[in-house]
Amino acid sequence: MSLNHYAKNIPRANEITRLENITFEEFQSTWVNQPFMLTRMVTEWPIFRKWSTERLLEKYASVPFRAEAVDWPLKTYVDYLDNSRDESPLYLFDRAFAEKMDLKVTSEPDDSAAYWPPTCFGPDAFSVLGAQRPDHRWLIVGPARSGSTFHKDPNATSAWNAVITGSKYWIMFPSSPSIPPPPGVFVSEDQSEVTSPLSIAEWLLGFHSEARRTPGCKEGICNAGEVLYVPSGWYHLVLNLEPSIAVTQNFVPRARVGAVLHFLRDQKQSISGFRDEIKNPYELFVERLGQQDPTLLKEGLEELERLSKGAKGKWEELKKPQDEEEEAGGFSFGFGGDDDDVEVP
């Protein structure tokens, strides 16, 4: 059965805000804790004008990419993408794509680069870790019906997800100790493990209607040339409405450093993406911030202290529904079959 009708008739109160662009100051002051879409930025990327599955095959057909639990040459995966009738199709998530494809990725707009992060997000605090930062960027390719079940991004990071071809349906919920998880989703006491139905279709069939009536629910369709911002700590489910190519990147906004320090210090069992030789990511992050941005470290430690005392921080606030009279209505996500969990942005 087609799943596309679940992305239709989104209630107005649930709609993810769409913006052409915003400044770094606007992001910091207003948007850092709310999902939104930027509608023009991705169209400036060189890869937006150059990438399609056909053109990628011309150059990378024999290059192996990770599709959940298997490494397939791109040609094999595209053959699968074109012909699969699986209920839950294999999703290509590759964290080393930039190196495999010899792509230049810059932090600022540069016509010689393949792409760059949206400038409104400002500096990425994890960049102080250099080569020791955890996995943070992925190439995502998948057919219609593919996607990811409910999860939160790793290490309390935020993320952006840019669609190059195709379109994606997103449904999202904020989280905090005082807010229950989305309908049909169950979380361990320390919030390190998330359990939900095995397939996207199963969740949509059983829980989508209830979820739409749940306060805090946000939904939207991100089309080719658009980018969606995922705030730290938000649950999200993503469904490809058609075959899609996307690029995603996890990062730490300056305003969220305290939350990341809190996670790295107090949820060590849930830390993911760091190489094995890094034994204490919290101490490493504190050391590097102290060396390169002591002011930001001071602000982050002050927020950490406040979070540790149980004070309600901005990152926990649930935005009230726009119409209160309307009907109420970090972890590592494993696909299974492999020793390495696949972190789903």
C-alpha atoms as a PDB file:
ATOM      1  CA  MET A   1       0.000   0.000   0.000  1.00  0.00           C
ATOM      2  CA  SER A   2       1.073   3.556  -0.605  1.00  0.00           C
ATOM      3  CA  LEU A   3       1.991   5.547   2.498  1.00  0.00           C
ATOM      4  CA  ASN A   4       1.870   8.977   0.855  1.00  0.00           C
ATOM      5  CA  HIS A   5      -1.661   9.797   2.046  1.00  0.00           C
ATOM      6  CA  TYR A   6      -0.329   9.998   5.611  1.00  0.00           C
ATOM      7  CA  ALA A   7       1.578  13.118   4.582  1.00  0.00           C
ATOM      8  CA  LYS A   8      -1.576  14.906   3.357  1.00  0.00           C
ATOM      9  CA  ASN A   9      -4.018  17.208   5.157  1.00  0.00           C
ATOM     10  CA  ILE A  10      -1.504  18.300   7.793  1.00  0.00           C
ATOM     11  CA  PRO A  11      -3.353  20.297  10.485  1.00  0.00           C
ATOM     12  CA  ARG A  12      -2.378  23.949  10.367  1.00  0.00           C
ATOM     13  CA  ALA A  13      -1.257  23.913  14.013  1.00  0.00           C
ATOM     14  CA  ASN A  14       1.133  21.055  13.210  1.00  0.00           C
ATOM     15  CA  GLU A  15       2.817  22.608  10.178  1.00  0.00           C
ATOM     16  CA  ILE A  16       6.591  23.047  10.387  1.00  0.00           C
ATOM     17  CA  THR A  17       7.413  26.699   9.680  1.00  0.00           C
ATOM     18  CA  ARG A  18       8.878  27.396   6.254  1.00  0.00           C
ATOM     19  CA  LEU A  19      11.338  30.282   5.813  1.00  0.00           C
ATOM     20  CA  GLU A  20      13.453  31.487   2.905  1.00  0.00           C
ATOM     21  CA  ASN A  21      16.393  32.188   5.174  1.00  0.00           C
ATOM     22  CA  ILE A  22      17.247  33.552   8.616  1.00  0.00           C
ATOM     23  CA  THR A  23      20.277  35.157  10.210  1.00  0.00           C
ATOM     24  CA  PHE A  24      22.504  33.553  12.827  1.00  0.00           C
ATOM     25  CA  GLU A  25      21.138  35.999  15.401  1.00  0.00           C
ATOM     26  CA  GLU A  26      17.551  34.984  14.577  1.00  0.00           C
ATOM     27  CA  PHE A  27      18.469  31.322  14.814  1.00  0.00           C
ATOM     28  CA  GLN A  28      20.121  31.766  18.218  1.00  0.00           C
ATOM     29  CA  SER A  29      17.360  33.878  19.725  1.00  0.00           C
ATOM     30  CA  THR A  30      14.217  32.332  18.212  1.00  0.00           C
ATOM     31  CA  TRP A  31      14.693  29.080  16.315  1.00  0.00           C
ATOM     32  CA  VAL A  32      17.395  26.976  17.991  1.00  0.00           C
ATOM     33  CA  ASN A  33      14.793  24.891  19.867  1.00  0.00           C
ATOM     34  CA  GLN A  34      12.169  24.631  17.099  1.00  0.00           C
ATOM     35  CA  PRO A  35      12.125  22.720  13.805  1.00  0.00           C
ATOM     36  CA  PHE A  36      11.879  24.757  10.614  1.00  0.00           C
ATOM     37  CA  MET A  37      12.623  24.480   6.896  1.00  0.00           C
ATOM     38  CA  LEU A  38      14.730  26.757   4.721  1.00  0.00           C
ATOM     39  CA  THR A  39      13.399  26.840   1.181  1.00  0.00           C
ATOM     40  CA  ARG A  40      16.198  28.381  -0.908  1.00  0.00           C
ATOM     41  CA  MET A  41      19.616  27.671   0.591  1.00  0.00           C
ATOM     42  CA  VAL A  42      20.225  24.190  -0.894  1.00  0.00           C
ATOM     43  CA  THR A  43      19.612  25.405  -4.443  1.00  0.00           C
ATOM     44  CA  GLU A  44      22.889  27.330  -4.196  1.00  0.00           C
ATOM     45  CA  TRP A  45      24.944  24.149  -3.728  1.00  0.00           C
ATOM     46  CA  PRO A  46      26.895  22.816  -6.730  1.00  0.00           C
ATOM     47  CA  ILE A  47      25.702  19.262  -5.954  1.00  0.00           C
ATOM     48  CA  PHE A  48      22.067  20.355  -6.232  1.00  0.00           C
ATOM     49  CA  ARG A  49      22.662  21.108  -9.904  1.00  0.00           C
ATOM     50  CA  LYS A  50      24.765  17.998 -10.517  1.00  0.00           C
ATOM     51  CA  TRP A  51      23.422  15.057  -8.519  1.00  0.00           C
ATOM     52  CA  SER A  52      20.936  12.411  -9.591  1.00  0.00           C
ATOM     53  CA  THR A  53      21.199   8.637  -9.289  1.00  0.00           C
ATOM     54  CA  GLU A  54      22.083   8.453 -12.999  1.00  0.00           C
ATOM     55  CA  ARG A  55      24.889  10.998 -12.715  1.00  0.00           C
ATOM     56  CA  LEU A  56      26.236   9.479  -9.502  1.00  0.00           C
ATOM     57  CA  LEU A  57      26.384   6.099 -11.247  1.00  0.00           C
ATOM     58  CA  GLU A  58      28.508   7.588 -14.017  1.00  0.00           C
ATOM     59  CA  LYS A  59      31.274   8.324 -11.513  1.00  0.00           C
ATOM     60  CA  TYR A  60      30.741   6.094  -8.465  1.00  0.00           C
ATOM     61  CA  ALA A  61      29.094   2.893  -9.760  1.00  0.00           C
ATOM     62  CA  SER A  62      31.751   0.605  -8.268  1.00  0.00           C
ATOM     63  CA  VAL A  63      32.255   2.540  -5.006  1.00  0.00           C
ATOM     64  CA  PRO A  64      30.838   0.637  -1.985  1.00  0.00           C
ATOM     65  CA  PHE A  65      28.398   2.460   0.288  1.00  0.00           C
ATOM     66  CA  ARG A  66      26.798   1.317   3.537  1.00  0.00           C
ATOM     67  CA  ALA A  67      23.115   0.388   3.262  1.00  0.00           C
ATOM     68  CA  GLU A  68      22.150  -0.429   6.846  1.00  0.00           C
ATOM     69  CA  ALA A  69      23.907  -3.780   7.487  1.00  0.00           C
ATOM     70  CA  VAL A  70      25.594  -4.294   4.100  1.00  0.00           C
ATOM     71  CA  ASP A  71      28.211  -2.583   1.956  1.00  0.00           C
ATOM     72  CA  TRP A  72      27.134  -2.559  -1.675  1.00  0.00           C
ATOM     73  CA  PRO A  73      28.623  -0.963  -4.795  1.00  0.00           C
ATOM     74  CA  LEU A  74      26.415   1.983  -5.723  1.00  0.00           C
ATOM     75  CA  LYS A  75      25.282   0.197  -8.881  1.00  0.00           C
ATOM     76  CA  THR A  76      23.961  -2.719  -6.812  1.00  0.00           C
ATOM     77  CA  TYR A  77      22.089  -0.397  -4.467  1.00  0.00           C
ATOM     78  CA  VAL A  78      20.532   1.625  -7.303  1.00  0.00           C
ATOM     79  CA  ASP A  79      19.364  -1.622  -8.944  1.00  0.00           C
ATOM     80  CA  TYR A  80      17.758  -2.505  -5.612  1.00  0.00           C
ATOM     81  CA  LEU A  81      16.257   0.999  -5.270  1.00  0.00           C
ATOM     82  CA  ASP A  82      14.659   0.739  -8.718  1.00  0.00           C
ATOM     83  CA  ASN A  83      13.217  -2.745  -8.235  1.00  0.00           C
ATOM     84  CA  SER A  84      12.586  -3.338  -4.533  1.00  0.00           C
ATOM     85  CA  ARG A  85       9.072  -4.092  -3.309  1.00  0.00           C
ATOM     86  CA  ASP A  86      10.143  -4.536   0.321  1.00  0.00           C
ATOM     87  CA  GLU A  87       7.815  -3.155   2.994  1.00  0.00           C
ATOM     88  CA  SER A  88      10.822  -1.552   4.709  1.00  0.00           C
ATOM     89  CA  PRO A  89      13.418  -0.973   1.976  1.00  0.00           C
ATOM     90  CA  LEU A  90      17.112  -0.848   2.814  1.00  0.00           C
ATOM     91  CA  TYR A  91      18.204   2.742   3.358  1.00  0.00           C
ATOM     92  CA  LEU A  92      21.661   3.883   2.216  1.00  0.00           C
ATOM     93  CA  PHE A  93      23.327   5.762   5.112  1.00  0.00           C
ATOM     94  CA  ASP A  94      27.030   6.330   4.540  1.00  0.00           C
ATOM     95  CA  ARG A  95      29.138   8.305   7.022  1.00  0.00           C
ATOM     96  CA  ALA A  96      32.303   8.270   4.893  1.00  0.00           C
ATOM     97  CA  PHE A  97      30.773   9.421   1.609  1.00  0.00           C
ATOM     98  CA  ALA A  98      32.733  12.671   1.388  1.00  0.00           C
ATOM     99  CA  GLU A  99      36.027  10.790   1.544  1.00  0.00           C
ATOM    100  CA  LYS A 100      34.867   8.024  -0.813  1.00  0.00           C
ATOM    101  CA  MET A 101      33.619  10.561  -3.354  1.00  0.00           C
ATOM    102  CA  ASP A 102      36.548  12.961  -2.860  1.00  0.00           C
ATOM    103  CA  LEU A 103      34.200  15.847  -2.081  1.00  0.00           C
ATOM    104  CA  LYS A 104      35.314  19.223  -0.817  1.00  0.00           C
ATOM    105  CA  VAL A 105      33.073  20.335   2.051  1.00  0.00           C
ATOM    106  CA  THR A 106      33.591  23.825   3.461  1.00  0.00           C
ATOM    107  CA  SER A 107      32.150  25.719   6.415  1.00  0.00           C
ATOM    108  CA  GLU A 108      31.315  28.781   4.304  1.00  0.00           C
ATOM    109  CA  PRO A 109      29.866  29.262   0.782  1.00  0.00           C
ATOM    110  CA  ASP A 110      32.475  28.295  -1.793  1.00  0.00           C
ATOM    111  CA  ASP A 111      31.750  27.528  -5.447  1.00  0.00           C
ATOM    112  CA  SER A 112      34.669  25.074  -5.511  1.00  0.00           C
ATOM    113  CA  ALA A 113      33.038  22.996  -2.757  1.00  0.00           C
ATOM    114  CA  ALA A 114      30.368  20.325  -3.140  1.00  0.00           C
ATOM    115  CA  TYR A 115      28.254  21.956  -0.427  1.00  0.00           C
ATOM    116  CA  TRP A 116      28.449  23.860   2.863  1.00  0.00           C
ATOM    117  CA  PRO A 117      26.244  24.059   5.962  1.00  0.00           C
ATOM    118  CA  PRO A 118      23.522  26.715   6.084  1.00  0.00           C
ATOM    119  CA  THR A 119      25.262  29.835   7.365  1.00  0.00           C
ATOM    120  CA  CYS A 120      22.425  30.698   9.761  1.00  0.00           C
ATOM    121  CA  PHE A 121      23.485  27.870  12.076  1.00  0.00           C
ATOM    122  CA  GLY A 122      26.776  29.600  12.815  1.00  0.00           C
ATOM    123  CA  PRO A 123      29.858  27.836  14.194  1.00  0.00           C
ATOM    124  CA  ASP A 124      29.639  24.149  15.098  1.00  0.00           C
ATOM    125  CA  ALA A 125      31.003  23.792  18.649  1.00  0.00           C
ATOM    126  CA  PHE A 126      32.095  20.205  17.945  1.00  0.00           C
ATOM    127  CA  SER A 127      34.531  21.531  15.324  1.00  0.00           C
ATOM    128  CA  VAL A 128      36.995  22.184  18.183  1.00  0.00           C
ATOM    129  CA  LEU A 129      37.497  18.389  18.276  1.00  0.00           C
ATOM    130  CA  GLY A 130      38.949  18.354  14.763  1.00  0.00           C
ATOM    131  CA  ALA A 131      39.599  14.815  13.542  1.00  0.00           C
ATOM    132  CA  GLN A 132      38.478  13.453  16.927  1.00  0.00           C
ATOM    133  CA  ARG A 133      34.878  14.597  16.573  1.00  0.00           C
ATOM    134  CA  PRO A 134      32.224  11.856  16.344  1.00  0.00           C
ATOM    135  CA  ASP A 135      30.642  10.834  13.043  1.00  0.00           C
ATOM    136  CA  HIS A 136      28.644  13.805  11.874  1.00  0.00           C
ATOM    137  CA  ARG A 137      27.690  13.696   8.199  1.00  0.00           C
ATOM    138  CA  TRP A 138      25.916  11.162   6.014  1.00  0.00           C
ATOM    139  CA  LEU A 139      24.809  10.601   2.444  1.00  0.00           C
ATOM    140  CA  ILE A 140      21.239   9.253   2.447  1.00  0.00           C
ATOM    141  CA  VAL A 141      19.675   7.500  -0.548  1.00  0.00           C
ATOM    142  CA  GLY A 142      16.476   5.493  -0.593  1.00  0.00           C
ATOM    143  CA  PRO A 143      13.356   4.535  -2.548  1.00  0.00           C
ATOM    144  CA  ALA A 144       9.794   5.514  -1.690  1.00  0.00           C
ATOM    145  CA  ARG A 145       8.654   3.944   1.638  1.00  0.00           C
ATOM    146  CA  SER A 146      12.204   3.920   2.996  1.00  0.00           C
ATOM    147  CA  GLY A 147      13.138   6.074   5.961  1.00  0.00           C
ATOM    148  CA  SER A 148      13.846   5.911   9.678  1.00  0.00           C
ATOM    149  CA  THR A 149      11.572   5.082  12.596  1.00  0.00           C
ATOM    150  CA  PHE A 150      11.389   7.326  15.654  1.00  0.00           C
ATOM    151  CA  HIS A 151      14.724   8.289  17.167  1.00  0.00           C
ATOM    152  CA  LYS A 152      16.644  11.248  18.590  1.00  0.00           C
ATOM    153  CA  ASP A 153      19.958  12.393  17.165  1.00  0.00           C
ATOM    154  CA  PRO A 154      23.115  11.156  18.916  1.00  0.00           C
ATOM    155  CA  ASN A 155      25.014  12.930  21.698  1.00  0.00           C
ATOM    156  CA  ALA A 156      22.317  15.636  22.135  1.00  0.00           C
ATOM    157  CA  THR A 157      23.390  17.174  18.832  1.00  0.00           C
ATOM    158  CA  SER A 158      21.136  19.114  16.488  1.00  0.00           C
ATOM    159  CA  ALA A 159      21.025  18.359  12.767  1.00  0.00           C
ATOM    160  CA  TRP A 160      20.071  19.628   9.370  1.00  0.00           C
ATOM    161  CA  ASN A 161      18.826  17.421   6.526  1.00  0.00           C
ATOM    162  CA  ALA A 162      18.981  18.746   2.958  1.00  0.00           C
ATOM    163  CA  VAL A 163      17.042  17.093   0.128  1.00  0.00           C
ATOM    164  CA  ILE A 164      18.831  17.013  -3.221  1.00  0.00           C
ATOM    165  CA  THR A 165      16.235  14.955  -5.139  1.00  0.00           C
ATOM    166  CA  GLY A 166      12.825  13.618  -4.134  1.00  0.00           C
ATOM    167  CA  SER A 167      10.833  14.563  -1.037  1.00  0.00           C
ATOM    168  CA  LYS A 168      10.572  13.503   2.611  1.00  0.00           C
ATOM    169  CA  TYR A 169       7.731  13.554   5.134  1.00  0.00           C
ATOM    170  CA  TRP A 170       8.738  14.439   8.702  1.00  0.00           C
ATOM    171  CA  ILE A 171       6.747  14.047  11.901  1.00  0.00           C
ATOM    172  CA  MET A 172       8.442  15.350  15.054  1.00  0.00           C
ATOM    173  CA  PHE A 173       7.931  15.740  18.806  1.00  0.00           C
ATOM    174  CA  PRO A 174       9.886  17.578  21.514  1.00  0.00           C
ATOM    175  CA  SER A 175      11.178  15.659  24.513  1.00  0.00           C
ATOM    176  CA  SER A 176      12.045  16.251  28.148  1.00  0.00           C
ATOM    177  CA  PRO A 177      11.690  14.310  31.412  1.00  0.00           C
ATOM    178  CA  SER A 178       8.257  15.888  31.868  1.00  0.00           C
ATOM    179  CA  ILE A 179       6.914  15.137  28.359  1.00  0.00           C
ATOM    180  CA  PRO A 180       5.820  11.607  27.358  1.00  0.00           C
ATOM    181  CA  PRO A 181       7.272  10.152  24.141  1.00  0.00           C
ATOM    182  CA  PRO A 182       5.199  10.086  20.935  1.00  0.00           C
ATOM    183  CA  PRO A 183       2.299   7.621  20.740  1.00  0.00           C
ATOM    184  CA  GLY A 184       3.556   4.094  20.111  1.00  0.00           C
ATOM    185  CA  VAL A 185       7.079   4.943  21.271  1.00  0.00           C
ATOM    186  CA  PHE A 186       8.506   3.652  24.552  1.00  0.00           C
ATOM    187  CA  VAL A 187      11.629   4.998  26.243  1.00  0.00           C
ATOM    188  CA  SER A 188      13.810   3.546  28.996  1.00  0.00           C
ATOM    189  CA  GLU A 189      14.007   5.411  32.299  1.00  0.00           C
ATOM    190  CA  ASP A 190      17.291   7.097  31.384  1.00  0.00           C
ATOM    191  CA  GLN A 191      15.984   7.778  27.825  1.00  0.00           C
ATOM    192  CA  SER A 192      18.929   5.876  26.333  1.00  0.00           C
ATOM    193  CA  GLU A 193      16.802   3.236  24.585  1.00  0.00           C
ATOM    194  CA  VAL A 194      13.839   3.887  22.314  1.00  0.00           C
ATOM    195  CA  THR A 195      11.427   1.169  21.232  1.00  0.00           C
ATOM    196  CA  SER A 196       8.792   1.638  18.524  1.00  0.00           C
ATOM    197  CA  PRO A 197       7.017  -0.526  15.905  1.00  0.00           C
ATOM    198  CA  LEU A 198       9.398  -2.364  13.623  1.00  0.00           C
ATOM    199  CA  SER A 199       8.392  -0.550  10.429  1.00  0.00           C
ATOM    200  CA  ILE A 200       7.305   2.943   9.460  1.00  0.00           C
ATOM    201  CA  ALA A 201       4.150   1.516   7.881  1.00  0.00           C
ATOM    202  CA  GLU A 202       3.224  -0.272  11.108  1.00  0.00           C
ATOM    203  CA  TRP A 203       3.543   2.937  13.124  1.00  0.00           C
ATOM    204  CA  LEU A 204       1.578   4.990  10.597  1.00  0.00           C
ATOM    205  CA  LEU A 205      -1.233   2.425  10.528  1.00  0.00           C
ATOM    206  CA  GLY A 206      -1.473   2.193  14.299  1.00  0.00           C
ATOM    207  CA  PHE A 207      -0.541   5.567  15.728  1.00  0.00           C
ATOM    208  CA  HIS A 208      -0.507   8.350  13.128  1.00  0.00           C
ATOM    209  CA  SER A 209      -4.014   9.669  13.830  1.00  0.00           C
ATOM    210  CA  GLU A 210      -3.399   9.823  17.569  1.00  0.00           C
ATOM    211  CA  ALA A 211       0.002  11.447  17.033  1.00  0.00           C
ATOM    212  CA  ARG A 212      -1.524  14.256  14.983  1.00  0.00           C
ATOM    213  CA  ARG A 213      -3.758  15.127  17.936  1.00  0.00           C
ATOM    214  CA  THR A 214      -0.860  15.121  20.408  1.00  0.00           C
ATOM    215  CA  PRO A 215       0.276  18.574  21.651  1.00  0.00           C
ATOM    216  CA  GLY A 216       3.682  19.498  20.287  1.00  0.00           C
ATOM    217  CA  CYS A 217       3.371  17.432  17.074  1.00  0.00           C
ATOM    218  CA  LYS A 218       5.077  19.016  14.075  1.00  0.00           C
ATOM    219  CA  GLU A 219       4.807  17.767  10.481  1.00  0.00           C
ATOM    220  CA  GLY A 220       6.019  18.810   7.074  1.00  0.00           C
ATOM    221  CA  ILE A 221       7.223  17.763   3.638  1.00  0.00           C
ATOM    222  CA  CYS A 222      10.772  18.732   2.749  1.00  0.00           C
ATOM    223  CA  ASN A 223      11.153  18.954  -1.028  1.00  0.00           C
ATOM    224  CA  ALA A 224      14.180  18.966  -3.296  1.00  0.00           C
ATOM    225  CA  GLY A 225      16.216  22.104  -2.704  1.00  0.00           C
ATOM    226  CA  GLU A 226      15.022  22.510   0.889  1.00  0.00           C
ATOM    227  CA  VAL A 227      16.651  21.801   4.251  1.00  0.00           C
ATOM    228  CA  LEU A 228      15.006  20.884   7.553  1.00  0.00           C
ATOM    229  CA  TYR A 229      16.449  21.732  10.967  1.00  0.00           C
ATOM    230  CA  VAL A 230      16.140  19.080  13.707  1.00  0.00           C
ATOM    231  CA  PRO A 231      16.543  20.581  17.192  1.00  0.00           C
ATOM    232  CA  SER A 232      18.519  18.651  19.778  1.00  0.00           C
ATOM    233  CA  GLY A 233      16.411  16.109  21.628  1.00  0.00           C
ATOM    234  CA  TRP A 234      13.430  16.027  19.253  1.00  0.00           C
ATOM    235  CA  TYR A 235      11.981  12.656  18.290  1.00  0.00           C
ATOM    236  CA  HIS A 236      11.491  12.314  14.560  1.00  0.00           C
ATOM    237  CA  LEU A 237      10.262   9.798  12.007  1.00  0.00           C
ATOM    238  CA  VAL A 238      11.173  10.308   8.340  1.00  0.00           C
ATOM    239  CA  LEU A 239       9.480   8.765   5.293  1.00  0.00           C
ATOM    240  CA  ASN A 240      10.641   9.064   1.688  1.00  0.00           C
ATOM    241  CA  LEU A 241       7.595   9.902  -0.406  1.00  0.00           C
ATOM    242  CA  GLU A 242       9.563   9.155  -3.585  1.00  0.00           C
ATOM    243  CA  PRO A 243      13.112   8.055  -4.418  1.00  0.00           C
ATOM    244  CA  SER A 244      15.392  10.547  -2.723  1.00  0.00           C
ATOM    245  CA  ILE A 245      18.986  11.698  -2.304  1.00  0.00           C
ATOM    246  CA  ALA A 246      19.845  13.805   0.734  1.00  0.00           C
ATOM    247  CA  VAL A 247      22.800  15.018   2.777  1.00  0.00           C
ATOM    248  CA  THR A 248      22.608  15.455   6.533  1.00  0.00           C
ATOM    249  CA  GLN A 249      24.955  16.758   9.182  1.00  0.00           C
ATOM    250  CA  ASN A 250      24.890  16.778  12.979  1.00  0.00           C
ATOM    251  CA  PHE A 251      26.294  19.797  14.805  1.00  0.00           C
ATOM    252  CA  VAL A 252      26.331  21.603  18.140  1.00  0.00           C
ATOM    253  CA  PRO A 253      24.881  25.133  18.073  1.00  0.00           C
ATOM    254  CA  ARG A 254      26.519  27.550  20.495  1.00  0.00           C
ATOM    255  CA  ALA A 255      23.284  27.796  22.458  1.00  0.00           C
ATOM    256  CA  ARG A 256      23.227  24.021  23.004  1.00  0.00           C
ATOM    257  CA  VAL A 257      26.743  23.446  24.366  1.00  0.00           C
ATOM    258  CA  GLY A 258      25.470  23.041  27.929  1.00  0.00           C
ATOM    259  CA  ALA A 259      23.013  20.334  26.880  1.00  0.00           C
ATOM    260  CA  VAL A 260      25.754  18.441  25.029  1.00  0.00           C
ATOM    261  CA  LEU A 261      28.087  18.669  28.029  1.00  0.00           C
ATOM    262  CA  HIS A 262      25.246  17.362  30.205  1.00  0.00           C
ATOM    263  CA  PHE A 263      24.734  14.411  27.852  1.00  0.00           C
ATOM    264  CA  LEU A 264      28.426  13.548  27.533  1.00  0.00           C
ATOM    265  CA  ARG A 265      28.937  13.670  31.293  1.00  0.00           C
ATOM    266  CA  ASP A 266      25.748  12.006  32.534  1.00  0.00           C
ATOM    267  CA  GLN A 267      24.670   9.633  29.731  1.00  0.00           C
ATOM    268  CA  LYS A 268      27.948   7.897  28.933  1.00  0.00           C
ATOM    269  CA  GLN A 269      26.130   4.660  28.098  1.00  0.00           C
ATOM    270  CA  SER A 270      24.415   6.428  25.186  1.00  0.00           C
ATOM    271  CA  ILE A 271      27.420   8.203  23.640  1.00  0.00           C
ATOM    272  CA  SER A 272      28.052   7.108  20.054  1.00  0.00           C
ATOM    273  CA  GLY A 273      30.153   7.926  17.013  1.00  0.00           C
ATOM    274  CA  PHE A 274      33.491   8.537  18.762  1.00  0.00           C
ATOM    275  CA  ARG A 275      36.441   6.336  17.909  1.00  0.00           C
ATOM    276  CA  ASP A 276      37.382   3.681  20.445  1.00  0.00           C
ATOM    277  CA  GLU A 277      40.590   5.415  21.523  1.00  0.00           C
ATOM    278  CA  ILE A 278      38.611   8.385  22.890  1.00  0.00           C
ATOM    279  CA  LYS A 279      37.852   7.145  26.395  1.00  0.00           C
ATOM    280  CA  ASN A 280      36.245  10.277  27.843  1.00  0.00           C
ATOM    281  CA  PRO A 281      34.476  12.497  25.260  1.00  0.00           C
ATOM    282  CA  TYR A 282      33.265  14.873  27.979  1.00  0.00           C
ATOM    283  CA  GLU A 283      36.780  15.669  29.201  1.00  0.00           C
ATOM    284  CA  LEU A 284      38.033  15.987  25.625  1.00  0.00           C
ATOM    285  CA  PHE A 285      35.280  18.452  24.718  1.00  0.00           C
ATOM    286  CA  VAL A 286      35.879  20.537  27.866  1.00  0.00           C
ATOM    287  CA  GLU A 287      39.632  20.614  27.229  1.00  0.00           C
ATOM    288  CA  ARG A 288      39.300  21.680  23.580  1.00  0.00           C
ATOM    289  CA  LEU A 289      36.654  24.307  24.302  1.00  0.00           C
ATOM    290  CA  GLY A 290      38.839  25.715  27.069  1.00  0.00           C
ATOM    291  CA  GLN A 291      41.741  26.029  24.646  1.00  0.00           C
ATOM    292  CA  GLN A 292      39.825  27.501  21.699  1.00  0.00           C
ATOM    293  CA  ASP A 293      36.756  29.255  23.108  1.00  0.00           C
ATOM    294  CA  PRO A 294      36.929  29.737  26.898  1.00  0.00           C
ATOM    295  CA  THR A 295      33.939  32.095  26.881  1.00  0.00           C
ATOM    296  CA  LEU A 296      31.741  29.463  25.276  1.00  0.00           C
ATOM    297  CA  LEU A 297      33.018  26.846  27.734  1.00  0.00           C
ATOM    298  CA  LYS A 298      32.108  29.116  30.659  1.00  0.00           C
ATOM    299  CA  GLU A 299      28.600  29.607  29.280  1.00  0.00           C
ATOM    300  CA  GLY A 300      28.238  25.881  28.644  1.00  0.00           C
ATOM    301  CA  LEU A 301      29.370  24.907  32.153  1.00  0.00           C
ATOM    302  CA  GLU A 302      26.942  27.411  33.674  1.00  0.00           C
ATOM    303  CA  GLU A 303      24.109  25.831  31.692  1.00  0.00           C
ATOM    304  CA  LEU A 304      25.351  22.365  32.675  1.00  0.00           C
ATOM    305  CA  GLU A 305      25.168  23.346  36.333  1.00  0.00           C
ATOM    306  CA  ARG A 306      21.641  24.624  35.883  1.00  0.00           C
ATOM    307  CA  LEU A 307      20.546  21.439  34.096  1.00  0.00           C
ATOM    308  CA  SER A 308      22.172  19.311  36.774  1.00  0.00           C
ATOM    309  CA  LYS A 309      20.053  21.018  39.436  1.00  0.00           C
ATOM    310  CA  GLY A 310      16.914  20.128  37.553  1.00  0.00           C
ATOM    311  CA  ALA A 311      16.030  23.646  36.493  1.00  0.00           C
ATOM    312  CA  LYS A 312      13.811  23.849  33.461  1.00  0.00           C
ATOM    313  CA  GLY A 313      15.917  25.033  30.550  1.00  0.00           C
ATOM    314  CA  LYS A 314      14.830  26.410  27.217  1.00  0.00           C
ATOM    315  CA  TRP A 315      15.686  23.121  25.554  1.00  0.00           C
ATOM    316  CA  GLU A 316      12.916  21.444  27.594  1.00  0.00           C
ATOM    317  CA  GLU A 317      10.201  23.944  26.821  1.00  0.00           C
ATOM    318  CA  LEU A 318       7.293  22.664  24.755  1.00  0.00           C
ATOM    319  CA  LYS A 319       5.963  25.243  22.354  1.00  0.00           C
ATOM    320  CA  LYS A 320       2.253  25.638  23.020  1.00  0.00           C
ATOM    321  CA  PRO A 321      -0.104  24.723  20.172  1.00  0.00           C
ATOM    322  CA  GLN A 322      -0.964  27.758  18.086  1.00  0.00           C
ATOM    323  CA  ASP A 323      -4.663  27.195  18.691  1.00  0.00           C
ATOM    324  CA  GLU A 324      -5.266  25.881  22.201  1.00  0.00           C
ATOM    325  CA  GLU A 325      -8.932  25.456  21.417  1.00  0.00           C
ATOM    326  CA  GLU A 326      -8.235  22.930  18.681  1.00  0.00           C
ATOM    327  CA  GLU A 327      -8.830  19.336  19.609  1.00  0.00           C
ATOM    328  CA  ALA A 328      -5.921  18.062  21.668  1.00  0.00           C
ATOM    329  CA  GLY A 329      -5.136  16.023  19.649  1.00  0.00           C
ATOM    330  CA  GLY A 330      20.842  10.261  22.223  1.00  0.00           C
ATOM    331  CA  PHE A 331      20.621   7.500  20.852  1.00  0.00           C
ATOM    332  CA  SER A 332      22.128   5.101  18.359  1.00  0.00           C
ATOM    333  CA  PHE A 333      19.557   3.542  16.080  1.00  0.00           C
ATOM    334  CA  GLY A 334      20.429  -0.042  15.071  1.00  0.00           C
ATOM    335  CA  PHE A 335      19.004  -1.583  11.928  1.00  0.00           C
ATOM    336  CA  GLY A 336      20.182  -5.020  13.077  1.00  0.00           C
ATOM    337  CA  GLY A 337      22.340  -7.685  11.514  1.00  0.00           C
ATOM    338  CA  ASP A 338      25.615  -5.858  11.987  1.00  0.00           C
ATOM    339  CA  ASP A 339      28.119  -5.297  14.737  1.00  0.00           C
ATOM    340  CA  ASP A 340      28.108  -1.558  14.201  1.00  0.00           C
ATOM    341  CA  ASP A 341      24.947   0.375  15.005  1.00  0.00           C
ATOM    342  CA  VAL A 342      23.935   2.808  12.295  1.00  0.00           C
ATOM    343  CA  GLU A 343      23.402   6.277  13.644  1.00  0.00           C
ATOM    344  CA  VAL A 344      20.395   7.740  11.943  1.00  0.00           C
ATOM    345  CA  PRO A 345      20.343  11.493  11.596  1.00  0.00           C
END
